[in-house]
Every structure is written in C-alpha cells, then in structure tokens.
C-alpha cells in the first residue's frame, strides 16, 4: 500500500464510505428502473434472447449433417430449413437467418463467460472489463418513453458470477444488470400497484434523494486529495450516483400514472425450469415479454435462457424436451456419443419451437400504438456467442420482425469472411432510431438486411 494514501483512506473511513458502496436506498431496493411519461411518436422495440453453449453442427459427411445441421445449407432467399429450424417455416417472411458474425475479441478467448460480452464485444484477454450493452444504449436513447427503461430477464436471475454470468445486460459503468427470473415477481413488478400510497412513495423518494445529495457532497470534497486510481473510482461512483438521482426523478413522474390492468390468470406462476414444468416456464416468460411490450410498459427486453456451463436452472431445460442430459452435457457429448449430434439438435429444435410460438403471437397481435403487428414494430434477435461449445465464431442467429423499422427478411445470409457482430448491433440500433455510426468495434452496417 502506498503510505501517501493512508490519510485519504482515513477520510473515507470517517465518512463510512471506504468500500465505495452505495447507501441502502429503501425506496430502490427490489424496485425496477422507472422512467418518465411517454414521449410522442411511433414506438420501436428491441428484444434480445441469448442461449448458451452454441448449437448442433454435425460435420459434413455425417449422417445427421443434412437434416440436423442448425444452419441451412444453401444461402439466399431460396434456402431450405433443416429439421432444427422448421418450426419457423410459417414465419419465413418475417425473419432472416444469419451466419458469419462474431466478436473479434472473443474468437480465441472463450470459456463460460461470453454471455456478459454478447451485447458489448469487449476484450477479455487481459482480465474482466466491460462496457454498456447495446440494449442499454437504446434504453438510454428513449429514456422516459415508458415506465420501465428496460426489462432484464434470465432463467437463473441475478447477475451470476463473472465466470458464469446470468444476465446479458450491462450498464454504462460496465456492471452487470441483475435479471429477474421468477414469473410472479416479474408480473408484480410490471402490473401490480405498490401497496404503499402515493404520498408514502413520494416521501421515500425524497428521502433517498436527500441521502444521495449528502453523499455526493461529501465525496466531491475528497477529489483533490486522492491519487489517480482512486479519482477514477470516485468518478465512477459519482456517475452511478447521478444515475440513481435520475431514476428517482423519473419515479416521481410516474407516481400518479396507474399501471395497466392485466389479469394474473393469464400466466402460470407455478412454472419452473424443471423436467415437468420447463416448457410452461419458457412459455410464461415469453408471455410476460409479450404483455410488457403490448402494454408499453417497456420497449427494451433481454432474456438469457441459461447460464453457460452446467450449474444453473436453465441447463435443466433439455429434460423438459424429453432428453436425458442437461444442456452443457448435450453440447460436449455430441461428437463422441452415437446419435449425439441429433440429440443435441432436437434440443435446438425445442428452443426454436418456443421462439416460433413467441414470434407467432407477436405477429398476430395488432400494435396498439402503430400500424401493423407488434412484431412489425419490434426487432427480435435470437442467438448465442458460440457456434459449437467454446468456439467463438459463426454465431447462430435468427433476426425477426422490424418490418416497419426498415428491416427486410426472407433470406439466409452467410458471410464467408467473419464479420464483427457489432456490425449487426449498430445496424439494429440505427433501425430503432439511435443516431450513431459505430458501436464498439463495428466497421460498417449490414446493408443486406435493410430496406
């Protein structure tokens, strides 16, 4: 330890802030990020669904290659879906299959942690660091349009660990945003009125604002006494504090706005990602996403179906598909066990069936705020950050919806020279109205998917 830092550390101890932890803000604990009143204009929505461990890609010449390879075999508008993707056949005009995208920094540095960088592409070769994910860039750009700036979901909930993240959403400071996993809790967050009255809630918000003001004032006075490293920490802390202040202000704006009235009987709150109830769980999660968008409670959703590796609840979902191995085991046994590629592919097909159900429901739902269906005004990106387990190239991707946002569909686009995945992400950001030319290490937009 540098001796010159000791007086500064004592100052922090006097303030009770040596760990730089945020104060316990009672009105925010367990509360969603709340935004301000709706802005005029047609809505654009963004849904991102991540699954781990890649997909079944039997090698050419294998008996399963023709029917059970995840990617179609012939690119272009006349492509033929394999058995894996056939559940999407009726939605063909509403979607594109994409091949040849990956994050350059993650192509040779894959463990079980790439979900945290799926929507950022940050370099992990010299230790963990991260930046804002593309969903949160969009959430910030439309800040104030809906009650909830974004809805962050996963099957495990929370953030997981840096080695095995349970969320794909990352805030401006590079910190993982905790995900919700319990259907009942998600429903209550979205649609159940706070038991505290408006006046009580207003008092709690005012109290938390006062705490933040005092903390910010005390910390600001320390800036000239700190070394460079601790000034950076302090700046990050104050940035987080300002973010909380903004959230409290928006919460105030929504105090008198009633939540949408949605019947709880529409959802299965007993669903769990288990052998017997896994299918019900996935359907319930997608139903909640659909209702959140339909009621304009949010326009930004991320959902991570399982944690990479084999330790979380989502890895049990293959049992619900009638298989006898969990997700991670499926991915590692495919090449060594007889029938392994087809077995893995049948789970891929099972997940595609759930995606097809969701997209079909979105396509059949008229958009209450714009012309066309809910799907016409929503971009849905479904994919993984590996092709096969631990291979960080050629992400398997389905892009759906967004016809009214300038996307065109009906083809399988295969890019022979691996392209930065952020090329796709910046293109989608532009389609939902975010004015920026680059995102992360993007090089250019993907013109093939744009009208």
Protein backbone atom coordinates (compact mmCIF):
# COMPACT_ATOMS: atom_id res chain seq x y z
CA UNK A 1 0.00 0.00 0.00
CA UNK A 2 1.22 3.49 -0.82
CA UNK A 3 1.78 5.32 2.53
CA UNK A 4 0.68 8.60 0.98
CA UNK A 5 -2.80 7.12 0.56
CA UNK A 6 -3.37 6.43 4.27
CA UNK A 7 -4.75 9.87 5.19
CA UNK A 8 -7.20 9.63 2.30
CA UNK A 9 -8.31 6.18 3.46
CA UNK A 10 -8.93 7.57 6.98
CA UNK A 11 -11.09 10.29 5.46
CA UNK A 12 -13.15 7.62 3.69
CA UNK A 13 -13.48 5.62 6.90
CA UNK A 14 -14.75 8.71 8.72
CA UNK A 15 -17.44 9.01 6.09
CA UNK A 16 -18.29 5.31 6.24
CA UNK A 17 -17.55 5.04 2.50
CA UNK A 18 -14.26 3.13 2.34
CA UNK A 19 -15.78 0.37 0.22
CA UNK A 20 -17.46 2.89 -2.07
CA UNK A 21 -20.76 1.02 -1.72
CA UNK A 22 -23.97 2.83 -2.44
CA UNK A 23 -26.07 3.68 0.61
CA UNK A 24 -29.10 1.47 1.34
CA UNK A 25 -31.82 3.33 -0.54
CA UNK A 26 -35.03 1.88 0.82
CA UNK A 27 -37.28 3.00 -2.00
CA UNK A 28 -35.00 1.43 -4.62
CA UNK A 29 -34.33 -1.95 -3.02
CA UNK A 30 -36.09 -4.50 -5.17
CA UNK A 31 -37.64 -1.75 -7.27
CA UNK A 32 -37.46 -1.50 -11.07
CA UNK A 33 -35.76 1.23 -13.02
CA UNK A 34 -38.61 3.60 -13.63
CA UNK A 35 -38.70 6.16 -16.43
CA UNK A 36 -40.79 9.22 -17.15
CA UNK A 37 -44.04 9.82 -19.03
CA UNK A 38 -44.37 8.57 -22.57
CA UNK A 39 -42.91 10.58 -25.42
CA UNK A 40 -44.85 11.11 -28.68
CA UNK A 41 -44.02 9.19 -31.82
CA UNK A 42 -44.27 5.65 -33.10
CA UNK A 43 -42.70 3.00 -30.89
CA UNK A 44 -39.63 0.98 -31.79
CA UNK A 45 -38.89 -2.05 -29.62
CA UNK A 46 -35.88 -4.30 -29.15
CA UNK A 47 -35.92 -7.85 -27.74
CA UNK A 48 -32.73 -9.91 -27.42
CA UNK A 49 -32.77 -13.61 -26.46
CA UNK A 50 -29.49 -15.34 -25.65
CA UNK A 51 -28.88 -19.08 -25.25
CA UNK A 52 -25.54 -20.63 -24.20
CA UNK A 53 -23.25 -23.37 -25.48
CA UNK A 54 -23.84 -22.97 -29.20
CA UNK A 55 -25.80 -25.36 -31.43
CA UNK A 56 -25.53 -28.77 -33.06
CA UNK A 57 -23.37 -28.55 -36.19
CA UNK A 58 -22.60 -32.11 -37.32
CA UNK A 59 -19.67 -32.16 -39.77
CA UNK A 60 -20.23 -32.55 -43.48
CA UNK A 61 -20.40 -36.24 -44.35
CA UNK A 62 -22.00 -37.18 -41.03
CA UNK A 63 -25.40 -38.88 -41.25
CA UNK A 64 -27.01 -36.01 -39.28
CA UNK A 65 -25.50 -33.23 -41.40
CA UNK A 66 -28.28 -32.91 -43.98
CA UNK A 67 -31.28 -32.84 -41.63
CA UNK A 68 -29.96 -31.66 -38.28
CA UNK A 69 -27.31 -29.02 -39.00
CA UNK A 70 -28.53 -25.78 -37.37
CA UNK A 71 -27.62 -23.58 -40.36
CA UNK A 72 -29.33 -24.11 -43.72
CA UNK A 73 -27.02 -25.48 -46.42
CA UNK A 74 -27.74 -23.00 -49.21
CA UNK A 75 -27.69 -19.21 -48.67
CA UNK A 76 -30.06 -16.73 -50.29
CA UNK A 77 -33.84 -16.38 -50.46
CA UNK A 78 -34.34 -19.98 -51.64
CA UNK A 79 -32.68 -21.52 -48.60
CA UNK A 80 -34.11 -24.74 -47.16
CA UNK A 81 -34.56 -25.02 -43.40
CA UNK A 82 -33.24 -28.16 -41.76
CA UNK A 83 -35.35 -30.02 -39.19
CA UNK A 84 -33.89 -27.80 -36.48
CA UNK A 85 -35.33 -24.59 -37.88
CA UNK A 86 -38.54 -25.96 -39.45
CA UNK A 87 -40.75 -24.69 -36.58
CA UNK A 88 -40.03 -21.21 -38.03
CA UNK A 89 -41.26 -22.13 -41.55
CA UNK A 90 -44.57 -20.22 -41.32
CA UNK A 91 -42.67 -17.10 -40.21
CA UNK A 92 -40.18 -17.17 -43.08
CA UNK A 93 -41.19 -13.76 -44.48
CA UNK A 94 -40.72 -12.23 -41.02
CA UNK A 95 -37.18 -13.42 -40.32
CA UNK A 96 -33.61 -13.81 -41.53
CA UNK A 97 -31.04 -16.48 -40.68
CA UNK A 98 -27.52 -15.07 -40.24
CA UNK A 99 -24.14 -16.79 -40.36
CA UNK A 100 -20.58 -15.49 -40.16
CA UNK A 101 -20.78 -12.99 -37.29
CA UNK A 102 -18.64 -12.98 -34.14
CA UNK A 103 -16.88 -10.59 -31.79
CA UNK A 104 -13.19 -10.33 -32.84
CA UNK A 105 -12.01 -10.09 -29.21
CA UNK A 106 -13.85 -13.28 -28.25
CA UNK A 107 -12.91 -15.55 -31.14
CA UNK A 108 -10.00 -17.19 -29.31
CA UNK A 109 -10.83 -16.39 -25.69
CA UNK A 110 -13.90 -18.47 -24.88
CA UNK A 111 -14.64 -20.02 -21.52
CA UNK A 112 -18.11 -19.96 -19.99
CA UNK A 113 -18.32 -16.20 -19.59
CA UNK A 114 -19.03 -14.86 -23.08
CA UNK A 115 -22.70 -14.07 -22.38
CA UNK A 116 -21.59 -10.93 -20.48
CA UNK A 117 -19.92 -9.66 -23.67
CA UNK A 118 -22.55 -10.89 -26.14
CA UNK A 119 -24.01 -7.40 -26.49
CA UNK A 120 -20.75 -5.46 -25.95
CA UNK A 121 -17.86 -7.36 -27.60
CA UNK A 122 -15.28 -6.16 -25.08
CA UNK A 123 -11.82 -7.72 -24.91
CA UNK A 124 -11.39 -10.16 -22.00
CA UNK A 125 -7.85 -11.33 -22.76
CA UNK A 126 -6.27 -9.16 -20.04
CA UNK A 127 -8.89 -9.55 -17.32
CA UNK A 128 -12.54 -8.69 -16.97
CA UNK A 129 -13.77 -5.35 -18.20
CA UNK A 130 -16.94 -4.39 -19.93
CA UNK A 131 -18.92 -1.51 -21.39
CA UNK A 132 -22.55 -0.66 -21.98
CA UNK A 133 -24.55 -3.29 -23.86
CA UNK A 134 -26.46 -2.30 -26.99
CA UNK A 135 -29.87 -2.82 -25.36
CA UNK A 136 -28.95 -0.26 -22.70
CA UNK A 137 -27.75 2.18 -25.37
CA UNK A 138 -31.25 2.02 -26.83
CA UNK A 139 -32.86 2.23 -23.37
CA UNK A 140 -30.87 5.40 -22.71
CA UNK A 141 -31.79 6.90 -26.07
CA UNK A 142 -35.54 6.56 -25.40
CA UNK A 143 -35.22 7.39 -21.72
CA UNK A 144 -38.62 8.50 -20.47
CA UNK A 145 -40.72 6.75 -23.12
CA UNK A 146 -42.06 4.02 -20.82
CA UNK A 147 -42.44 3.25 -17.12
CA UNK A 148 -39.54 0.79 -17.22
CA UNK A 149 -36.42 1.72 -19.16
CA UNK A 150 -35.74 -1.97 -19.80
CA UNK A 151 -36.77 -5.43 -18.65
CA UNK A 152 -33.79 -7.69 -17.88
CA UNK A 153 -34.65 -11.40 -17.53
CA UNK A 154 -32.91 -14.73 -17.22
CA UNK A 155 -33.81 -18.24 -16.12
CA UNK A 156 -31.38 -18.09 -13.18
CA UNK A 157 -31.92 -14.48 -12.10
CA UNK A 158 -29.46 -12.04 -10.57
CA UNK A 159 -26.09 -11.45 -12.20
CA UNK A 160 -24.40 -14.81 -11.68
CA UNK A 161 -20.61 -14.52 -11.49
CA UNK A 162 -18.01 -13.03 -13.83
CA UNK A 163 -17.10 -16.59 -14.80
CA UNK A 164 -20.70 -17.61 -15.41
CA UNK A 165 -22.90 -14.53 -15.88
CA UNK A 166 -26.68 -14.83 -15.61
CA UNK A 167 -27.51 -11.64 -17.50
CA UNK A 168 -26.58 -10.15 -20.87
CA UNK A 169 -27.39 -6.53 -19.97
CA UNK A 170 -24.56 -4.23 -18.89
CA UNK A 171 -24.83 -0.66 -17.62
CA UNK A 172 -22.74 2.38 -18.54
CA UNK A 173 -20.18 1.58 -15.85
CA UNK A 174 -19.63 -1.93 -17.25
CA UNK A 175 -21.50 -3.60 -14.38
CA UNK A 176 -23.88 -6.50 -14.96
CA UNK A 177 -27.55 -5.59 -14.51
CA UNK A 178 -29.38 -8.12 -12.30
CA UNK A 179 -32.01 -10.17 -14.10
CA UNK A 180 -35.45 -11.24 -12.90
CA UNK A 181 -36.33 -14.93 -13.15
CA UNK A 182 -39.50 -15.60 -11.13
CA UNK A 183 -42.68 -15.16 -13.25
CA UNK A 184 -44.76 -13.95 -10.31
CA UNK A 185 -42.14 -11.38 -9.33
CA UNK A 186 -41.91 -10.16 -12.93
CA UNK A 187 -45.70 -9.81 -13.15
CA UNK A 188 -45.85 -7.90 -9.87
CA UNK A 189 -43.02 -5.62 -10.97
CA UNK A 190 -44.84 -4.80 -14.19
CA UNK A 191 -48.50 -4.72 -13.25
CA UNK A 192 -49.20 -4.82 -9.51
CA UNK A 193 -49.78 -1.48 -7.79
CA UNK A 194 -47.34 -0.66 -4.99
CA UNK A 195 -49.04 -1.27 -1.64
CA UNK A 196 -47.58 1.99 -0.34
CA UNK A 197 -49.71 5.02 -1.17
CA UNK A 198 -48.58 7.78 -3.49
CA UNK A 199 -47.70 10.07 -0.59
CA UNK A 200 -45.63 7.40 1.17
CA UNK A 201 -43.81 6.61 -2.04
CA UNK A 202 -43.13 10.29 -2.68
CA UNK A 203 -41.69 10.66 0.83
CA UNK A 204 -39.42 7.63 0.27
CA UNK A 205 -38.16 9.09 -3.00
CA UNK A 206 -37.50 12.46 -1.36
CA UNK A 207 -35.61 10.73 1.48
CA UNK A 208 -33.41 8.81 -0.94
CA UNK A 209 -32.69 11.95 -2.92
CA UNK A 210 -31.58 13.64 0.28
CA UNK A 211 -29.22 10.75 1.08
CA UNK A 212 -27.70 10.91 -2.37
CA UNK A 213 -27.23 14.68 -2.14
CA UNK A 214 -25.35 14.36 1.18
CA UNK A 215 -23.15 11.51 -0.07
CA UNK A 216 -22.32 13.31 -3.32
CA UNK A 217 -21.44 16.50 -1.50
CA UNK A 218 -19.07 14.75 0.92
CA UNK A 219 -17.37 12.70 -1.79
CA UNK A 220 -16.88 15.67 -4.11
CA UNK A 221 -14.79 17.37 -1.42
CA UNK A 222 -12.33 14.45 -1.43
CA UNK A 223 -11.44 14.61 -5.11
CA UNK A 224 -8.33 16.78 -4.71
CA UNK A 225 -6.88 14.52 -2.01
CA UNK A 226 -6.91 11.27 -3.99
CA UNK A 227 -4.48 9.58 -6.30
CA UNK A 228 -5.31 8.99 -9.97
CA UNK A 229 -6.63 5.44 -9.47
CA UNK A 230 -8.95 6.46 -6.66
CA UNK A 231 -10.13 9.52 -8.56
CA UNK A 232 -11.25 7.14 -11.33
CA UNK A 233 -13.12 5.08 -8.74
CA UNK A 234 -14.69 8.19 -7.30
CA UNK A 235 -15.77 9.37 -10.76
CA UNK A 236 -17.42 6.01 -11.41
CA UNK A 237 -19.16 6.20 -8.03
CA UNK A 238 -20.44 9.70 -8.68
CA UNK A 239 -21.64 8.66 -12.14
CA UNK A 240 -23.63 5.84 -10.54
CA UNK A 241 -24.99 8.31 -8.01
CA UNK A 242 -26.17 10.66 -10.76
CA UNK A 243 -27.86 7.72 -12.48
CA UNK A 244 -29.76 6.93 -9.30
CA UNK A 245 -30.75 10.57 -8.96
CA UNK A 246 -32.20 10.47 -12.47
CA UNK A 247 -34.09 7.27 -11.69
CA UNK A 248 -35.60 8.83 -8.59
CA UNK A 249 -36.72 11.82 -10.63
CA UNK A 250 -38.41 9.58 -13.17
CA UNK A 251 -40.04 7.54 -10.43
CA UNK A 252 -41.61 10.76 -9.24
CA UNK A 253 -43.04 11.38 -12.72
CA UNK A 254 -44.85 8.02 -12.70
CA UNK A 255 -46.29 8.16 -9.18
CA UNK A 256 -49.76 9.22 -10.30
CA UNK A 257 -49.84 7.15 -13.51
CA UNK A 258 -51.79 3.90 -12.99
CA UNK A 259 -50.23 0.63 -14.11
CA UNK A 260 -52.00 -1.36 -16.85
CA UNK A 261 -54.70 -3.72 -15.60
CA UNK A 262 -53.61 -7.22 -16.55
CA UNK A 263 -55.23 -10.42 -15.26
CA UNK A 264 -52.79 -12.65 -13.37
CA UNK A 265 -54.78 -15.68 -14.55
CA UNK A 266 -53.17 -15.25 -17.98
CA UNK A 267 -49.85 -16.55 -16.62
CA UNK A 268 -48.61 -19.74 -14.99
CA UNK A 269 -46.87 -18.55 -11.83
CA UNK A 270 -46.12 -22.13 -10.76
CA UNK A 271 -43.95 -22.77 -13.80
CA UNK A 272 -40.34 -23.75 -13.10
CA UNK A 273 -37.46 -24.63 -15.46
CA UNK A 274 -37.65 -28.29 -14.40
CA UNK A 275 -38.26 -31.65 -16.08
CA UNK A 276 -42.05 -31.40 -15.81
CA UNK A 277 -42.61 -27.65 -15.97
CA UNK A 278 -39.79 -26.34 -18.17
CA UNK A 279 -41.97 -25.83 -21.24
CA UNK A 280 -44.57 -23.96 -19.19
CA UNK A 281 -41.79 -21.80 -17.74
CA UNK A 282 -40.42 -20.76 -21.12
CA UNK A 283 -43.90 -20.04 -22.45
CA UNK A 284 -44.71 -17.97 -19.37
CA UNK A 285 -41.52 -15.94 -19.71
CA UNK A 286 -42.29 -15.22 -23.36
CA UNK A 287 -45.91 -14.38 -22.47
CA UNK A 288 -44.66 -11.85 -19.91
CA UNK A 289 -42.35 -10.29 -22.50
CA UNK A 290 -45.24 -10.08 -24.95
CA UNK A 291 -47.51 -8.41 -22.37
CA UNK A 292 -44.79 -5.97 -21.27
CA UNK A 293 -44.47 -4.81 -24.88
CA UNK A 294 -48.20 -4.83 -25.59
CA UNK A 295 -48.94 -2.59 -22.60
CA UNK A 296 -45.97 -0.34 -23.48
CA UNK A 297 -44.53 -0.95 -20.03
CA UNK A 298 -41.11 -1.18 -21.68
CA UNK A 299 -39.65 -1.25 -25.17
CA UNK A 300 -36.36 -2.97 -24.33
CA UNK A 301 -36.12 -6.61 -23.18
CA UNK A 302 -33.26 -9.07 -22.77
CA UNK A 303 -33.65 -12.72 -21.79
CA UNK A 304 -30.86 -15.24 -21.10
CA UNK A 305 -32.31 -18.77 -21.22
CA UNK A 306 -29.47 -20.46 -19.31
CA UNK A 307 -26.01 -19.87 -17.87
CA UNK A 308 -23.02 -21.24 -19.77
CA UNK A 309 -21.68 -24.38 -18.16
CA UNK A 310 -23.95 -26.81 -16.33
CA UNK A 311 -24.72 -25.29 -12.96
CA UNK A 312 -27.93 -23.30 -13.26
CA UNK A 313 -31.64 -23.99 -13.54
CA UNK A 314 -31.77 -23.24 -17.27
CA UNK A 315 -29.44 -26.12 -18.02
CA UNK A 316 -32.25 -28.47 -16.93
CA UNK A 317 -34.49 -27.39 -19.81
CA UNK A 318 -33.49 -30.31 -22.11
CA UNK A 319 -35.27 -32.64 -19.66
CA UNK A 320 -38.50 -30.80 -20.48
CA UNK A 321 -37.81 -31.65 -24.13
CA UNK A 322 -37.70 -35.35 -23.25
CA UNK A 323 -33.91 -35.64 -23.28
CA UNK A 324 -31.77 -37.27 -20.61
CA UNK A 325 -28.81 -34.88 -20.44
CA UNK A 326 -28.62 -31.28 -19.35
CA UNK A 327 -27.68 -28.56 -21.85
CA UNK A 328 -23.96 -28.46 -21.21
CA UNK A 329 -23.68 -32.27 -21.35
CA UNK A 330 -25.55 -32.28 -24.65
CA UNK A 331 -23.06 -29.89 -26.17
CA UNK A 332 -19.98 -31.85 -25.08
CA UNK A 333 -21.27 -35.35 -25.83
CA UNK A 334 -22.46 -34.68 -29.38
CA UNK A 335 -19.22 -35.60 -31.14
CA UNK A 336 -18.34 -38.63 -29.03
CA UNK A 337 -21.66 -40.43 -28.50
CA UNK A 338 -23.66 -42.28 -31.11
CA UNK A 339 -26.65 -40.13 -32.06
CA UNK A 340 -25.17 -37.23 -30.10
CA UNK A 341 -25.45 -34.61 -32.83
CA UNK A 342 -29.11 -35.38 -33.48
CA UNK A 343 -29.88 -35.46 -29.75
CA UNK A 344 -28.38 -32.01 -29.29
CA UNK A 345 -30.18 -30.77 -32.41
CA UNK A 346 -33.52 -31.90 -31.01
CA UNK A 347 -33.00 -29.57 -28.07
CA UNK A 348 -32.10 -26.78 -30.51
CA UNK A 349 -35.37 -27.57 -32.28
CA UNK A 350 -37.26 -27.49 -28.98
CA UNK A 351 -35.94 -23.99 -28.26
CA UNK A 352 -36.77 -22.87 -31.81
CA UNK A 353 -40.33 -24.10 -31.20
CA UNK A 354 -40.59 -21.79 -28.17
CA UNK A 355 -39.19 -18.91 -30.24
CA UNK A 356 -41.69 -19.64 -33.03
CA UNK A 357 -44.58 -19.57 -30.56
CA UNK A 358 -43.47 -16.18 -29.30
CA UNK A 359 -42.93 -14.70 -32.76
CA UNK A 360 -46.29 -16.03 -33.96
CA UNK A 361 -48.05 -14.42 -31.01
CA UNK A 362 -46.27 -11.13 -31.71
CA UNK A 363 -47.21 -11.33 -35.42
CA UNK A 364 -50.88 -11.96 -34.61
CA UNK A 365 -51.11 -9.08 -32.10
CA UNK A 366 -52.13 -5.70 -33.56
CA UNK A 367 -49.85 -2.93 -32.34
CA UNK A 368 -51.97 -0.58 -30.21
CA UNK A 369 -49.62 2.35 -30.88
CA UNK A 370 -48.76 1.98 -34.56
CA UNK A 371 -49.75 0.39 -37.84
CA UNK A 372 -49.16 -3.30 -38.29
CA UNK A 373 -48.50 -6.00 -35.74
CA UNK A 374 -46.44 -5.89 -32.58
CA UNK A 375 -43.77 -7.85 -34.45
CA UNK A 376 -43.70 -5.32 -37.30
CA UNK A 377 -42.53 -2.66 -34.83
CA UNK A 378 -40.26 -4.90 -32.74
CA UNK A 379 -36.82 -6.25 -33.61
CA UNK A 380 -36.18 -9.69 -32.10
CA UNK A 381 -32.62 -11.04 -32.06
CA UNK A 382 -32.12 -14.67 -31.00
CA UNK A 383 -28.66 -16.19 -30.76
CA UNK A 384 -25.58 -17.48 -28.98
CA UNK A 385 -21.98 -16.28 -28.64
CA UNK A 386 -20.57 -19.66 -29.71
CA UNK A 387 -21.27 -21.90 -32.69
CA UNK A 388 -20.19 -25.13 -31.02
CA UNK A 389 -19.33 -25.04 -27.32
CA UNK A 390 -16.20 -22.92 -26.70
CA UNK A 391 -15.86 -21.90 -30.37
CA UNK A 392 -16.39 -18.15 -30.54
CA UNK A 393 -17.05 -17.86 -34.26
CA UNK A 394 -20.01 -18.04 -36.60
CA UNK A 395 -22.75 -17.18 -34.10
CA UNK A 396 -26.08 -18.92 -34.82
CA UNK A 397 -28.52 -16.03 -35.23
CA UNK A 398 -32.19 -15.53 -36.04
CA UNK A 399 -33.28 -11.95 -36.70
CA UNK A 400 -37.04 -11.37 -36.77
CA UNK A 401 -39.59 -8.56 -37.01
CA UNK A 402 -38.97 -4.87 -37.51
CA UNK A 403 -40.57 -4.60 -40.97
CA UNK A 404 -41.89 -1.14 -40.12
CA UNK A 405 -38.43 -0.22 -38.84
CA UNK A 406 -36.73 -0.84 -42.16
CA UNK A 407 -35.63 -4.48 -41.93
CA UNK A 408 -36.13 -6.86 -44.84
CA UNK A 409 -36.40 -10.61 -44.41
CA UNK A 410 -36.81 -13.92 -46.18
CA UNK A 411 -33.16 -14.91 -46.75
CA UNK A 412 -30.31 -16.84 -45.22
CA UNK A 413 -27.29 -14.50 -45.21
CA UNK A 414 -23.97 -16.34 -44.97
CA UNK A 415 -20.91 -14.10 -44.65
CA UNK A 416 -17.87 -16.11 -45.68
CA UNK A 417 -15.41 -13.65 -44.16
CA UNK A 418 -16.16 -13.42 -40.45
CA UNK A 419 -17.72 -10.03 -39.64
CA UNK A 420 -17.74 -8.17 -36.32
CA UNK A 421 -21.01 -8.92 -34.54
CA UNK A 422 -21.13 -5.26 -33.58
CA UNK A 423 -21.74 -4.50 -37.29
CA UNK A 424 -25.12 -6.14 -36.80
CA UNK A 425 -25.76 -4.49 -33.45
CA UNK A 426 -25.05 -0.96 -34.70
CA UNK A 427 -27.31 -1.63 -37.70
CA UNK A 428 -30.15 -2.63 -35.38
CA UNK A 429 -29.55 0.40 -33.16
CA UNK A 430 -29.94 2.62 -36.20
CA UNK A 431 -33.18 0.83 -37.14
CA UNK A 432 -34.70 1.64 -33.73
CA UNK A 433 -33.71 5.28 -34.10
CA UNK A 434 -30.38 5.56 -32.28
CA UNK A 435 -28.23 8.04 -34.17
CA UNK A 436 -24.72 6.63 -34.11
CA UNK A 437 -22.31 5.43 -36.76
CA UNK A 438 -20.37 2.95 -34.64
CA UNK A 439 -20.82 0.65 -31.68
CA UNK A 440 -17.76 -0.86 -30.06
CA UNK A 441 -15.51 -2.34 -32.75
CA UNK A 442 -18.11 -2.18 -35.53
CA UNK A 443 -16.74 -1.44 -39.00
CA UNK A 444 -19.82 -0.86 -41.16
CA UNK A 445 -23.54 -1.54 -41.25
CA UNK A 446 -25.12 -4.72 -42.60
CA UNK A 447 -26.86 -3.43 -45.72
CA UNK A 448 -28.18 -6.87 -46.71
CA UNK A 449 -30.90 -6.78 -44.02
CA UNK A 450 -32.02 -3.18 -44.55
CA UNK A 451 -34.64 -1.97 -46.99
